[in-house]
Amino acid sequence: MSVQGQAIADIWDQTFNKGDTAALGKLYSRDGKVIPAGGTSVQGPEGIAAFFADLQSKGFKDHKITVEDATLKGETLLLTGRWQLNGPGGSGDTQSYGGNWVNVLERQGDDWRTLLHTWN
């Protein structure tokens, strides 16, 4: 299951890194939530797409998720691991950010859609 989990995370990374935030929003369920570390949660594909478009407009790029564990419970998939992202630092130089990452997904037909995405 972790191989499938990494494949799901890789699709997210590829979509984010090519700047297609509309397609990124479609990877979430209609009631999906993103809860950023220290930030306000956003909900739904359009709100999530706008959140990540704003993040990219500030210069954040080169996102990479490494799935460390995947647990399947019926039609729900729990993925945990690490994330890394490059963006502007305090002095204007590019800085690398990273931490823990959690995604809870639900099966919708043949696809998986994210219900909850959070990190620290």
PDB file of N, CA and C in Angstrom:
ATOM      1  N   MET A   1       0.817  -1.205   0.000  1.00  0.00           N
ATOM      2  CA  MET A   1       0.000   0.000   0.000  1.00  0.00           C
ATOM      3  C   MET A   1       0.856   1.262   0.000  1.00  0.00           C
ATOM      4  N   SER A   2       2.050   1.183   0.597  1.00  0.00           N
ATOM      5  CA  SER A   2       2.884   2.398   0.609  1.00  0.00           C
ATOM      6  C   SER A   2       3.337   2.777  -0.794  1.00  0.00           C
ATOM      7  N   VAL A   3       3.469   1.783  -1.706  1.00  0.00           N
ATOM      8  CA  VAL A   3       3.835   2.091  -3.095  1.00  0.00           C
ATOM      9  C   VAL A   3       2.706   2.899  -3.743  1.00  0.00           C
ATOM     10  N   GLN A   4       1.465   2.455  -3.531  1.00  0.00           N
ATOM     11  CA  GLN A   4       0.326   3.189  -4.067  1.00  0.00           C
ATOM     12  C   GLN A   4       0.235   4.567  -3.407  1.00  0.00           C
ATOM     13  N   GLY A   5       0.494   4.623  -2.110  1.00  0.00           N
ATOM     14  CA  GLY A   5       0.476   5.900  -1.405  1.00  0.00           C
ATOM     15  C   GLY A   5       1.503   6.867  -1.962  1.00  0.00           C
ATOM     16  N   GLN A   6       2.711   6.378  -2.260  1.00  0.00           N
ATOM     17  CA  GLN A   6       3.735   7.241  -2.835  1.00  0.00           C
ATOM     18  C   GLN A   6       3.331   7.705  -4.229  1.00  0.00           C
ATOM     19  N   ALA A   7       2.685   6.822  -4.987  1.00  0.00           N
ATOM     20  CA  ALA A   7       2.217   7.205  -6.329  1.00  0.00           C
ATOM     21  C   ALA A   7       1.182   8.329  -6.237  1.00  0.00           C
ATOM     22  N   ILE A   8       0.293   8.261  -5.253  1.00  0.00           N
ATOM     23  CA  ILE A   8      -0.700   9.318  -5.042  1.00  0.00           C
ATOM     24  C   ILE A   8       0.003  10.619  -4.674  1.00  0.00           C
ATOM     25  N   ALA A   9       0.961  10.539  -3.774  1.00  0.00           N
ATOM     26  CA  ALA A   9       1.716  11.732  -3.361  1.00  0.00           C
ATOM     27  C   ALA A   9       2.514  12.310  -4.529  1.00  0.00           C
ATOM     28  N   ASP A  10       3.066  11.441  -5.376  1.00  0.00           N
ATOM     29  CA  ASP A  10       3.832  11.911  -6.535  1.00  0.00           C
ATOM     30  C   ASP A  10       2.942  12.703  -7.498  1.00  0.00           C
ATOM     31  N   ILE A  11       1.701  12.257  -7.682  1.00  0.00           N
ATOM     32  CA  ILE A  11       0.764  12.992  -8.547  1.00  0.00           C
ATOM     33  C   ILE A  11       0.508  14.381  -7.958  1.00  0.00           C
ATOM     34  N   TRP A  12       0.344  14.448  -6.637  1.00  0.00           N
ATOM     35  CA  TRP A  12       0.134  15.743  -5.983  1.00  0.00           C
ATOM     36  C   TRP A  12       1.347  16.649  -6.233  1.00  0.00           C
ATOM     37  N   ASP A  13       2.544  16.115  -5.985  1.00  0.00           N
ATOM     38  CA  ASP A  13       3.768  16.902  -6.196  1.00  0.00           C
ATOM     39  C   ASP A  13       3.878  17.395  -7.634  1.00  0.00           C
ATOM     40  N   GLN A  14       3.654  16.513  -8.601  1.00  0.00           N
ATOM     41  CA  GLN A  14       3.783  16.880 -10.010  1.00  0.00           C
ATOM     42  C   GLN A  14       2.790  17.980 -10.378  1.00  0.00           C
ATOM     43  N   THR A  15       1.571  17.853  -9.873  1.00  0.00           N
ATOM     44  CA  THR A  15       0.528  18.837 -10.174  1.00  0.00           C
ATOM     45  C   THR A  15       0.875  20.184  -9.557  1.00  0.00           C
ATOM     46  N   PHE A  16       1.312  20.184  -8.298  1.00  0.00           N
ATOM     47  CA  PHE A  16       1.730  21.428  -7.643  1.00  0.00           C
ATOM     48  C   PHE A  16       2.912  22.044  -8.374  1.00  0.00           C
ATOM     49  N   ASN A  17       3.917  21.230  -8.676  1.00  0.00           N
ATOM     50  CA  ASN A  17       5.161  21.754  -9.243  1.00  0.00           C
ATOM     51  C   ASN A  17       5.003  22.295 -10.663  1.00  0.00           C
ATOM     52  N   LYS A  18       3.993  21.835 -11.392  1.00  0.00           N
ATOM     53  CA  LYS A  18       3.774  22.433 -12.713  1.00  0.00           C
ATOM     54  C   LYS A  18       2.846  23.638 -12.639  1.00  0.00           C
ATOM     55  N   GLY A  19       2.378  23.971 -11.424  1.00  0.00           N
ATOM     56  CA  GLY A  19       1.597  25.190 -11.226  1.00  0.00           C
ATOM     57  C   GLY A  19       0.129  25.076 -11.573  1.00  0.00           C
ATOM     58  N   ASP A  20      -0.385  23.861 -11.732  1.00  0.00           N
ATOM     59  CA  ASP A  20      -1.783  23.666 -12.107  1.00  0.00           C
ATOM     60  C   ASP A  20      -2.642  23.551 -10.849  1.00  0.00           C
ATOM     61  N   THR A  21      -2.895  24.689 -10.208  1.00  0.00           N
ATOM     62  CA  THR A  21      -3.612  24.658  -8.940  1.00  0.00           C
ATOM     63  C   THR A  21      -5.085  24.286  -9.121  1.00  0.00           C
ATOM     64  N   ALA A  22      -5.685  24.541 -10.288  1.00  0.00           N
ATOM     65  CA  ALA A  22      -7.066  24.106 -10.531  1.00  0.00           C
ATOM     66  C   ALA A  22      -7.129  22.574 -10.498  1.00  0.00           C
ATOM     67  N   ALA A  23      -6.182  21.919 -11.168  1.00  0.00           N
ATOM     68  CA  ALA A  23      -6.128  20.448 -11.137  1.00  0.00           C
ATOM     69  C   ALA A  23      -5.789  19.952  -9.739  1.00  0.00           C
ATOM     70  N   LEU A  24      -4.973  20.703  -9.025  1.00  0.00           N
ATOM     71  CA  LEU A  24      -4.616  20.333  -7.655  1.00  0.00           C
ATOM     72  C   LEU A  24      -5.872  20.303  -6.783  1.00  0.00           C
ATOM     73  N   GLY A  25      -6.717  21.302  -6.913  1.00  0.00           N
ATOM     74  CA  GLY A  25      -7.958  21.344  -6.142  1.00  0.00           C
ATOM     75  C   GLY A  25      -8.845  20.142  -6.409  1.00  0.00           C
ATOM     76  N   LYS A  26      -8.790  19.617  -7.627  1.00  0.00           N
ATOM     77  CA  LYS A  26      -9.616  18.457  -7.992  1.00  0.00           C
ATOM     78  C   LYS A  26      -9.130  17.155  -7.362  1.00  0.00           C
ATOM     79  N   LEU A  27      -7.951  17.173  -6.736  1.00  0.00           N
ATOM     80  CA  LEU A  27      -7.456  15.984  -6.030  1.00  0.00           C
ATOM     81  C   LEU A  27      -8.089  15.856  -4.645  1.00  0.00           C
ATOM     82  N   TYR A  28      -8.909  16.834  -4.261  1.00  0.00           N
ATOM     83  CA  TYR A  28      -9.570  16.856  -2.952  1.00  0.00           C
ATOM     84  C   TYR A  28     -11.054  16.568  -3.113  1.00  0.00           C
ATOM     85  N   SER A  29     -11.664  15.974  -2.092  1.00  0.00           N
ATOM     86  CA  SER A  29     -13.104  15.748  -2.110  1.00  0.00           C
ATOM     87  C   SER A  29     -13.829  17.083  -1.966  1.00  0.00           C
ATOM     88  N   ARG A  30     -15.123  17.092  -2.255  1.00  0.00           N
ATOM     89  CA  ARG A  30     -15.905  18.337  -2.157  1.00  0.00           C
ATOM     90  C   ARG A  30     -15.830  18.945  -0.765  1.00  0.00           C
ATOM     91  N   ASP A  31     -15.730  18.097   0.259  1.00  0.00           N
ATOM     92  CA  ASP A  31     -15.650  18.596   1.633  1.00  0.00           C
ATOM     93  C   ASP A  31     -14.243  18.445   2.204  1.00  0.00           C
ATOM     94  N   GLY A  32     -13.253  18.276   1.322  1.00  0.00           N
ATOM     95  CA  GLY A  32     -11.868  18.144   1.759  1.00  0.00           C
ATOM     96  C   GLY A  32     -11.357  19.400   2.444  1.00  0.00           C
ATOM     97  N   LYS A  33     -10.441  19.217   3.388  1.00  0.00           N
ATOM     98  CA  LYS A  33      -9.873  20.342   4.130  1.00  0.00           C
ATOM     99  C   LYS A  33      -8.355  20.307   4.071  1.00  0.00           C
ATOM    100  N   VAL A  34      -7.777  21.497   3.984  1.00  0.00           N
ATOM    101  CA  VAL A  34      -6.345  21.693   4.168  1.00  0.00           C
ATOM    102  C   VAL A  34      -6.197  22.505   5.449  1.00  0.00           C
ATOM    103  N   ILE A  35      -5.416  21.977   6.376  1.00  0.00           N
ATOM    104  CA  ILE A  35      -5.145  22.666   7.631  1.00  0.00           C
ATOM    105  C   ILE A  35      -3.644  22.914   7.692  1.00  0.00           C
ATOM    106  N   PRO A  36      -3.204  24.118   7.274  1.00  0.00           N
ATOM    107  CA  PRO A  36      -1.772  24.419   7.262  1.00  0.00           C
ATOM    108  C   PRO A  36      -1.230  24.639   8.672  1.00  0.00           C
ATOM    109  N   ALA A  37       0.027  24.340   8.851  1.00  0.00           N
ATOM    110  CA  ALA A  37       0.682  24.557  10.144  1.00  0.00           C
ATOM    111  C   ALA A  37       0.555  26.022  10.529  1.00  0.00           C
ATOM    112  N   GLY A  38      -0.077  26.289  11.653  1.00  0.00           N
ATOM    113  CA  GLY A  38      -0.199  27.655  12.143  1.00  0.00           C
ATOM    114  C   GLY A  38      -1.130  28.546  11.354  1.00  0.00           C
ATOM    115  N   GLY A  39      -1.876  27.983  10.409  1.00  0.00           N
ATOM    116  CA  GLY A  39      -2.738  28.812   9.565  1.00  0.00           C
ATOM    117  C   GLY A  39      -4.203  28.477   9.723  1.00  0.00           C
ATOM    118  N   THR A  40      -5.017  29.143   8.936  1.00  0.00           N
ATOM    119  CA  THR A  40      -6.458  28.938   8.928  1.00  0.00           C
ATOM    120  C   THR A  40      -6.801  27.862   7.913  1.00  0.00           C
ATOM    121  N   SER A  41      -7.703  26.953   8.273  1.00  0.00           N
ATOM    122  CA  SER A  41      -8.067  25.873   7.361  1.00  0.00           C
ATOM    123  C   SER A  41      -8.875  26.411   6.185  1.00  0.00           C
ATOM    124  N   VAL A  42      -8.759  25.707   5.068  1.00  0.00           N
ATOM    125  CA  VAL A  42      -9.545  26.006   3.875  1.00  0.00           C
ATOM    126  C   VAL A  42     -10.260  24.727   3.470  1.00  0.00           C
ATOM    127  N   GLN A  43     -11.402  24.884   2.804  1.00  0.00           N
ATOM    128  CA  GLN A  43     -12.210  23.718   2.482  1.00  0.00           C
ATOM    129  C   GLN A  43     -12.687  23.771   1.044  1.00  0.00           C
ATOM    130  N   GLY A  44     -12.826  22.585   0.451  1.00  0.00           N
ATOM    131  CA  GLY A  44     -13.366  22.443  -0.892  1.00  0.00           C
ATOM    132  C   GLY A  44     -12.328  22.668  -1.973  1.00  0.00           C
ATOM    133  N   PRO A  45     -12.532  22.045  -3.120  1.00  0.00           N
ATOM    134  CA  PRO A  45     -11.554  22.132  -4.213  1.00  0.00           C
ATOM    135  C   PRO A  45     -11.199  23.554  -4.637  1.00  0.00           C
ATOM    136  N   GLU A  46     -12.176  24.456  -4.720  1.00  0.00           N
ATOM    137  CA  GLU A  46     -11.887  25.815  -5.174  1.00  0.00           C
ATOM    138  C   GLU A  46     -11.081  26.583  -4.129  1.00  0.00           C
ATOM    139  N   GLY A  47     -11.482  26.463  -2.864  1.00  0.00           N
ATOM    140  CA  GLY A  47     -10.748  27.144  -1.795  1.00  0.00           C
ATOM    141  C   GLY A  47      -9.337  26.628  -1.657  1.00  0.00           C
ATOM    142  N   ILE A  48      -9.178  25.316  -1.805  1.00  0.00           N
ATOM    143  CA  ILE A  48      -7.853  24.701  -1.706  1.00  0.00           C
ATOM    144  C   ILE A  48      -6.986  25.129  -2.885  1.00  0.00           C
ATOM    145  N   ALA A  49      -7.561  25.155  -4.089  1.00  0.00           N
ATOM    146  CA  ALA A  49      -6.814  25.609  -5.265  1.00  0.00           C
ATOM    147  C   ALA A  49      -6.343  27.049  -5.066  1.00  0.00           C
ATOM    148  N   ALA A  50      -7.208  27.903  -4.540  1.00  0.00           N
ATOM    149  CA  ALA A  50      -6.841  29.301  -4.308  1.00  0.00           C
ATOM    150  C   ALA A  50      -5.747  29.414  -3.248  1.00  0.00           C
ATOM    151  N   PHE A  51      -5.818  28.587  -2.212  1.00  0.00           N
ATOM    152  CA  PHE A  51      -4.791  28.592  -1.168  1.00  0.00           C
ATOM    153  C   PHE A  51      -3.418  28.289  -1.763  1.00  0.00           C
ATOM    154  N   PHE A  52      -3.336  27.229  -2.571  1.00  0.00           N
ATOM    155  CA  PHE A  52      -2.046  26.848  -3.140  1.00  0.00           C
ATOM    156  C   PHE A  52      -1.597  27.813  -4.235  1.00  0.00           C
ATOM    157  N   ALA A  53      -2.532  28.435  -4.964  1.00  0.00           N
ATOM    158  CA  ALA A  53      -2.155  29.464  -5.947  1.00  0.00           C
ATOM    159  C   ALA A  53      -1.510  30.644  -5.235  1.00  0.00           C
ATOM    160  N   ASP A  54      -2.061  31.030  -4.084  1.00  0.00           N
ATOM    161  CA  ASP A  54      -1.478  32.122  -3.307  1.00  0.00           C
ATOM    162  C   ASP A  54      -0.080  31.750  -2.820  1.00  0.00           C
ATOM    163  N   LEU A  55       0.081  30.526  -2.364  1.00  0.00           N
ATOM    164  CA  LEU A  55       1.390  30.053  -1.896  1.00  0.00           C
ATOM    165  C   LEU A  55       2.416  30.121  -3.031  1.00  0.00           C
ATOM    166  N   GLN A  56       2.021  29.659  -4.211  1.00  0.00           N
ATOM    167  CA  GLN A  56       2.939  29.695  -5.346  1.00  0.00           C
ATOM    168  C   GLN A  56       3.254  31.126  -5.768  1.00  0.00           C
ATOM    169  N   SER A  57       2.284  32.024  -5.678  1.00  0.00           N
ATOM    170  CA  SER A  57       2.520  33.419  -6.072  1.00  0.00           C
ATOM    171  C   SER A  57       3.547  34.092  -5.163  1.00  0.00           C
ATOM    172  N   LYS A  58       3.747  33.539  -3.975  1.00  0.00           N
ATOM    173  CA  LYS A  58       4.736  34.070  -3.032  1.00  0.00           C
ATOM    174  C   LYS A  58       6.120  33.461  -3.259  1.00  0.00           C
ATOM    175  N   GLY A  59       6.231  32.559  -4.249  1.00  0.00           N
ATOM    176  CA  GLY A  59       7.532  32.002  -4.601  1.00  0.00           C
ATOM    177  C   GLY A  59       7.828  30.620  -4.064  1.00  0.00           C
ATOM    178  N   PHE A  60       6.830  29.932  -3.540  1.00  0.00           N
ATOM    179  CA  PHE A  60       7.064  28.572  -3.037  1.00  0.00           C
ATOM    180  C   PHE A  60       6.946  27.578  -4.181  1.00  0.00           C
ATOM    181  N   LYS A  61       7.906  26.639  -4.228  1.00  0.00           N
ATOM    182  CA  LYS A  61       7.998  25.711  -5.361  1.00  0.00           C
ATOM    183  C   LYS A  61       8.779  24.460  -4.954  1.00  0.00           C
ATOM    184  N   ASP A  62       8.907  23.545  -5.886  1.00  0.00           N
ATOM    185  CA  ASP A  62       9.711  22.324  -5.728  1.00  0.00           C
ATOM    186  C   ASP A  62       9.253  21.480  -4.544  1.00  0.00           C
ATOM    187  N   HIS A  63       7.958  21.187  -4.498  1.00  0.00           N
ATOM    188  CA  HIS A  63       7.391  20.391  -3.404  1.00  0.00           C
ATOM    189  C   HIS A  63       7.730  18.919  -3.593  1.00  0.00           C
ATOM    190  N   LYS A  64       8.038  18.238  -2.495  1.00  0.00           N
ATOM    191  CA  LYS A  64       8.347  16.805  -2.528  1.00  0.00           C
ATOM    192  C   LYS A  64       7.810  16.148  -1.265  1.00  0.00           C
ATOM    193  N   ILE A  65       6.995  15.116  -1.447  1.00  0.00           N
ATOM    194  CA  ILE A  65       6.456  14.312  -0.354  1.00  0.00           C
ATOM    195  C   ILE A  65       7.142  12.958  -0.380  1.00  0.00           C
ATOM    196  N   THR A  66       7.532  12.481   0.790  1.00  0.00           N
ATOM    197  CA  THR A  66       8.040  11.119   0.949  1.00  0.00           C
ATOM    198  C   THR A  66       7.087  10.381   1.880  1.00  0.00           C
ATOM    199  N   VAL A  67       6.355   9.424   1.346  1.00  0.00           N
ATOM    200  CA  VAL A  67       5.418   8.641   2.149  1.00  0.00           C
ATOM    201  C   VAL A  67       6.209   7.615   2.950  1.00  0.00           C
ATOM    202  N   GLU A  68       6.017   7.635   4.256  1.00  0.00           N
ATOM    203  CA  GLU A  68       6.694   6.688   5.141  1.00  0.00           C
ATOM    204  C   GLU A  68       5.779   5.572   5.613  1.00  0.00           C
ATOM    205  N   ASP A  69       4.455   5.818   5.618  1.00  0.00           N
ATOM    206  CA  ASP A  69       3.516   4.804   6.077  1.00  0.00           C
ATOM    207  C   ASP A  69       2.178   5.010   5.380  1.00  0.00           C
ATOM    208  N   ALA A  70       1.527   3.904   5.060  1.00  0.00           N
ATOM    209  CA  ALA A  70       0.199   3.928   4.456  1.00  0.00           C
ATOM    210  C   ALA A  70      -0.658   2.869   5.138  1.00  0.00           C
ATOM    211  N   THR A  71      -1.849   3.273   5.574  1.00  0.00           N
ATOM    212  CA  THR A  71      -2.767   2.356   6.245  1.00  0.00           C
ATOM    213  C   THR A  71      -4.113   2.428   5.550  1.00  0.00           C
ATOM    214  N   LEU A  72      -4.579   1.288   5.074  1.00  0.00           N
ATOM    215  CA  LEU A  72      -5.869   1.190   4.403  1.00  0.00           C
ATOM    216  C   LEU A  72      -6.900   0.661   5.385  1.00  0.00           C
ATOM    217  N   LYS A  73      -7.994   1.398   5.545  1.00  0.00           N
ATOM    218  CA  LYS A  73      -9.123   0.998   6.397  1.00  0.00           C
ATOM    219  C   LYS A  73     -10.380   1.107   5.559  1.00  0.00           C
ATOM    220  N   GLY A  74     -10.766   0.006   4.928  1.00  0.00           N
ATOM    221  CA  GLY A  74     -11.942   0.032   4.061  1.00  0.00           C
ATOM    222  C   GLY A  74     -11.715   0.941   2.878  1.00  0.00           C
ATOM    223  N   GLU A  75     -12.524   1.987   2.780  1.00  0.00           N
ATOM    224  CA  GLU A  75     -12.442   2.943   1.676  1.00  0.00           C
ATOM    225  C   GLU A  75     -11.669   4.203   2.070  1.00  0.00           C
ATOM    226  N   THR A  76     -10.929   4.127   3.173  1.00  0.00           N
ATOM    227  CA  THR A  76     -10.147   5.262   3.665  1.00  0.00           C
ATOM    228  C   THR A  76      -8.670   4.892   3.683  1.00  0.00           C
ATOM    229  N   LEU A  77      -7.829   5.785   3.214  1.00  0.00           N
ATOM    230  CA  LEU A  77      -6.391   5.580   3.173  1.00  0.00           C
ATOM    231  C   LEU A  77      -5.716   6.691   3.970  1.00  0.00           C
ATOM    232  N   LEU A  78      -4.914   6.299   4.948  1.00  0.00           N
ATOM    233  CA  LEU A  78      -4.164   7.245   5.772  1.00  0.00           C
ATOM    234  C   LEU A  78      -2.707   7.181   5.348  1.00  0.00           C
ATOM    235  N   LEU A  79      -2.174   8.324   4.905  1.00  0.00           N
ATOM    236  CA  LEU A  79      -0.778   8.421   4.489  1.00  0.00           C
ATOM    237  C   LEU A  79      -0.049   9.368   5.426  1.00  0.00           C
ATOM    238  N   THR A  80       1.134   8.976   5.862  1.00  0.00           N
ATOM    239  CA  THR A  80       1.971   9.859   6.676  1.00  0.00           C
ATOM    240  C   THR A  80       3.383   9.843   6.121  1.00  0.00           C
ATOM    241  N   GLY A  81       4.108  10.900   6.381  1.00  0.00           N
ATOM    242  CA  GLY A  81       5.482  10.982   5.905  1.00  0.00           C
ATOM    243  C   GLY A  81       6.065  12.356   6.140  1.00  0.00           C
ATOM    244  N   ARG A  82       6.911  12.763   5.207  1.00  0.00           N
ATOM    245  CA  ARG A  82       7.636  14.027   5.301  1.00  0.00           C
ATOM    246  C   ARG A  82       7.371  14.849   4.038  1.00  0.00           C
ATOM    247  N   TRP A  83       7.448  16.151   4.184  1.00  0.00           N
ATOM    248  CA  TRP A  83       7.319  17.057   3.042  1.00  0.00           C
ATOM    249  C   TRP A  83       8.512  17.997   3.021  1.00  0.00           C
ATOM    250  N   GLN A  84       8.787  18.508   1.828  1.00  0.00           N
ATOM    251  CA  GLN A  84       9.858  19.483   1.643  1.00  0.00           C
ATOM    252  C   GLN A  84       9.404  20.451   0.555  1.00  0.00           C
ATOM    253  N   LEU A  85       9.783  21.715   0.704  1.00  0.00           N
ATOM    254  CA  LEU A  85       9.367  22.769  -0.211  1.00  0.00           C
ATOM    255  C   LEU A  85      10.412  23.869  -0.190  1.00  0.00           C
ATOM    256  N   ASN A  86      10.677  24.469  -1.323  1.00  0.00           N
ATOM    257  CA  ASN A  86      11.588  25.614  -1.395  1.00  0.00           C
ATOM    258  C   ASN A  86      10.778  26.892  -1.535  1.00  0.00           C
ATOM    259  N   GLY A  87      11.279  27.952  -0.901  1.00  0.00           N
ATOM    260  CA  GLY A  87      10.595  29.230  -0.982  1.00  0.00           C
ATOM    261  C   GLY A  87      11.477  30.339  -0.467  1.00  0.00           C
ATOM    262  N   PRO A  88      10.933  31.549  -0.473  1.00  0.00           N
ATOM    263  CA  PRO A  88      11.726  32.693  -0.050  1.00  0.00           C
ATOM    264  C   PRO A  88      12.069  32.624   1.439  1.00  0.00           C
ATOM    265  N   GLY A  89      13.319  32.951   1.739  1.00  0.00           N
ATOM    266  CA  GLY A  89      13.766  33.031   3.127  1.00  0.00           C
ATOM    267  C   GLY A  89      13.706  34.475   3.606  1.00  0.00           C
ATOM    268  N   GLY A  90      14.066  34.684   4.843  1.00  0.00           N
ATOM    269  CA  GLY A  90      14.006  36.014   5.441  1.00  0.00           C
ATOM    270  C   GLY A  90      14.878  37.043   4.746  1.00  0.00           C
ATOM    271  N   SER A  91      16.011  36.618   4.196  1.00  0.00           N
ATOM    272  CA  SER A  91      16.923  37.562   3.551  1.00  0.00           C
ATOM    273  C   SER A  91      16.721  37.625   2.033  1.00  0.00           C
ATOM    274  N   GLY A  92      15.655  36.980   1.551  1.00  0.00           N
ATOM    275  CA  GLY A  92      15.385  36.993   0.118  1.00  0.00           C
ATOM    276  C   GLY A  92      15.979  35.813  -0.624  1.00  0.00           C
ATOM    277  N   ASP A  93      16.852  35.055   0.033  1.00  0.00           N
ATOM    278  CA  ASP A  93      17.417  33.861  -0.581  1.00  0.00           C
ATOM    279  C   ASP A  93      16.400  32.724  -0.530  1.00  0.00           C
ATOM    280  N   THR A  94      16.599  31.719  -1.373  1.00  0.00           N
ATOM    281  CA  THR A  94      15.747  30.537  -1.345  1.00  0.00           C
ATOM    282  C   THR A  94      16.098  29.703  -0.120  1.00  0.00           C
ATOM    283  N   GLN A  95      15.056  29.279   0.559  1.00  0.00           N
ATOM    284  CA  GLN A  95      15.218  28.472   1.768  1.00  0.00           C
ATOM    285  C   GLN A  95      14.429  27.183   1.603  1.00  0.00           C
ATOM    286  N   SER A  96      14.895  26.113   2.211  1.00  0.00           N
ATOM    287  CA  SER A  96      14.187  24.843   2.198  1.00  0.00           C
ATOM    288  C   SER A  96      13.380  24.715   3.485  1.00  0.00           C
ATOM    289  N   TYR A  97      12.124  24.330   3.339  1.00  0.00           N
ATOM    290  CA  TYR A  97      11.222  24.103   4.464  1.00  0.00           C
ATOM    291  C   TYR A  97      10.811  22.640   4.446  1.00  0.00           C
ATOM    292  N   GLY A  98      10.402  22.102   5.576  1.00  0.00           N
ATOM    293  CA  GLY A  98       9.945  20.725   5.607  1.00  0.00           C
ATOM    294  C   GLY A  98       9.418  20.336   6.964  1.00  0.00           C
ATOM    295  N   GLY A  99       8.830  19.150   7.025  1.00  0.00           N
ATOM    296  CA  GLY A  99       8.292  18.655   8.284  1.00  0.00           C
ATOM    297  C   GLY A  99       7.467  17.403   8.068  1.00  0.00           C
ATOM    298  N   ASN A 100       6.584  17.143   9.018  1.00  0.00           N
ATOM    299  CA  ASN A 100       5.696  15.987   8.968  1.00  0.00           C
ATOM    300  C   ASN A 100       4.479  16.305   8.114  1.00  0.00           C
ATOM    301  N   TRP A 101       3.916  15.268   7.509  1.00  0.00           N
ATOM    302  CA  TRP A 101       2.812  15.432   6.568  1.00  0.00           C
ATOM    303  C   TRP A 101       1.802  14.310   6.796  1.00  0.00           C
ATOM    304  N   VAL A 102       0.507  14.637   6.731  1.00  0.00           N
ATOM    305  CA  VAL A 102      -0.571  13.652   6.879  1.00  0.00           C
ATOM    306  C   VAL A 102      -1.636  13.926   5.829  1.00  0.00           C
ATOM    307  N   ASN A 103      -2.066  12.878   5.160  1.00  0.00           N
ATOM    308  CA  ASN A 103      -3.209  12.949   4.250  1.00  0.00           C
ATOM    309  C   ASN A 103      -4.156  11.811   4.583  1.00  0.00           C
ATOM    310  N   VAL A 104      -5.446  12.133   4.645  1.00  0.00           N
ATOM    311  CA  VAL A 104      -6.496  11.133   4.786  1.00  0.00           C
ATOM    312  C   VAL A 104      -7.311  11.210   3.504  1.00  0.00           C
ATOM    313  N   LEU A 105      -7.398  10.090   2.808  1.00  0.00           N
ATOM    314  CA  LEU A 105      -8.076  10.048   1.515  1.00  0.00           C
ATOM    315  C   LEU A 105      -9.237   9.073   1.548  1.00  0.00           C
ATOM    316  N   GLU A 106     -10.224   9.303   0.665  1.00  0.00           N
ATOM    317  CA  GLU A 106     -11.327   8.371   0.513  1.00  0.00           C
ATOM    318  C   GLU A 106     -11.387   7.925  -0.943  1.00  0.00           C
ATOM    319  N   ARG A 107     -11.754   6.667  -1.115  1.00  0.00           N
ATOM    320  CA  ARG A 107     -11.908   6.141  -2.477  1.00  0.00           C
ATOM    321  C   ARG A 107     -13.206   6.699  -3.061  1.00  0.00           C
ATOM    322  N   GLN A 108     -13.101   7.237  -4.268  1.00  0.00           N
ATOM    323  CA  GLN A 108     -14.269   7.701  -5.009  1.00  0.00           C
ATOM    324  C   GLN A 108     -14.196   7.055  -6.382  1.00  0.00           C
ATOM    325  N   GLY A 109     -14.909   5.959  -6.547  1.00  0.00           N
ATOM    326  CA  GLY A 109     -14.821   5.178  -7.778  1.00  0.00           C
ATOM    327  C   GLY A 109     -13.441   4.556  -7.873  1.00  0.00           C
ATOM    328  N   ASP A 110     -12.735   4.830  -8.955  1.00  0.00           N
ATOM    329  CA  ASP A 110     -11.382   4.302  -9.140  1.00  0.00           C
ATOM    330  C   ASP A 110     -10.302   5.253  -8.631  1.00  0.00           C
ATOM    331  N   ASP A 111     -10.698   6.402  -8.119  1.00  0.00           N
ATOM    332  CA  ASP A 111      -9.744   7.432  -7.695  1.00  0.00           C
ATOM    333  C   ASP A 111      -9.749   7.597  -6.182  1.00  0.00           C
ATOM    334  N   TRP A 112      -8.709   8.257  -5.694  1.00  0.00           N
ATOM    335  CA  TRP A 112      -8.619   8.655  -4.295  1.00  0.00           C
ATOM    336  C   TRP A 112      -8.702  10.167  -4.239  1.00  0.00           C
ATOM    337  N   ARG A 113      -9.518  10.694  -3.322  1.00  0.00           N
ATOM    338  CA  ARG A 113      -9.653  12.132  -3.109  1.00  0.00           C
ATOM    339  C   ARG A 113      -9.297  12.423  -1.654  1.00  0.00           C
ATOM    340  N   THR A 114      -8.577  13.515  -1.458  1.00  0.00           N
ATOM    341  CA  THR A 114      -8.127  13.876  -0.115  1.00  0.00           C
ATOM    342  C   THR A 114      -9.264  14.501   0.689  1.00  0.00           C
ATOM    343  N   LEU A 115      -9.467  13.957   1.890  1.00  0.00           N
ATOM    344  CA  LEU A 115     -10.421  14.514   2.847  1.00  0.00           C
ATOM    345  C   LEU A 115      -9.744  15.508   3.781  1.00  0.00           C
ATOM    346  N   LEU A 116      -8.513  15.187   4.195  1.00  0.00           N
ATOM    347  CA  LEU A 116      -7.767  16.019   5.134  1.00  0.00           C
ATOM    348  C   LEU A 116      -6.302  16.020   4.756  1.00  0.00           C
ATOM    349  N   HIS A 117      -5.717  17.200   4.686  1.00  0.00           N
ATOM    350  CA  HIS A 117      -4.307  17.376   4.364  1.00  0.00           C
ATOM    351  C   HIS A 117      -3.742  18.361   5.390  1.00  0.00           C
ATOM    352  N   THR A 118      -2.760  17.927   6.140  1.00  0.00           N
ATOM    353  CA  THR A 118      -2.161  18.803   7.135  1.00  0.00           C
ATOM    354  C   THR A 118      -0.672  18.512   7.270  1.00  0.00           C
ATOM    355  N   TRP A 119       0.047  19.467   7.828  1.00  0.00           N
ATOM    356  CA  TRP A 119       1.495  19.328   7.981  1.00  0.00           C
ATOM    357  C   TRP A 119       1.982  20.217   9.115  1.00  0.00           C
ATOM    358  N   ASN A 120       3.199  19.965   9.553  1.00  0.00           N
ATOM    359  CA  ASN A 120       3.846  20.867  10.509  1.00  0.00           C
ATOM    360  C   ASN A 120       5.312  20.964  10.188  1.00  0.00           C
TER     361      ASN A 120
END
